Amino acid sequence: MSRRCELTGKKANNACSVSHSNRHTNRLQHVNLQNKRVWWEGGKRWVRLKLSTKAIKTLQHKGLEAMAKEAGINLNQY
């Protein structure tokens, strides 16, 4: 399983660590992913998803079915 948000598709970003002497070394900025159980009203059951914290906040505003439709996800598979 990759480190990717299942609803928004967010993933790690390439970046540099910069030392005090201004040396640059490559590193990854990972997404803040959480394993979250979300109630799916349409299916009358819980759905377990790997979501970024930004997606969790958006989920409270838009709703699960709307975000899954935008992402092209079939919730019956989860």
Foldseek 3Di string as FASTA:
>chain_A
DAQAFQQPRDAKDWDWDQDPVGDTDIDIDGFQWDFDWDQDPVVRDTATGTHGPVVVVVCVVPNDVVSCVVSVHDRVVD
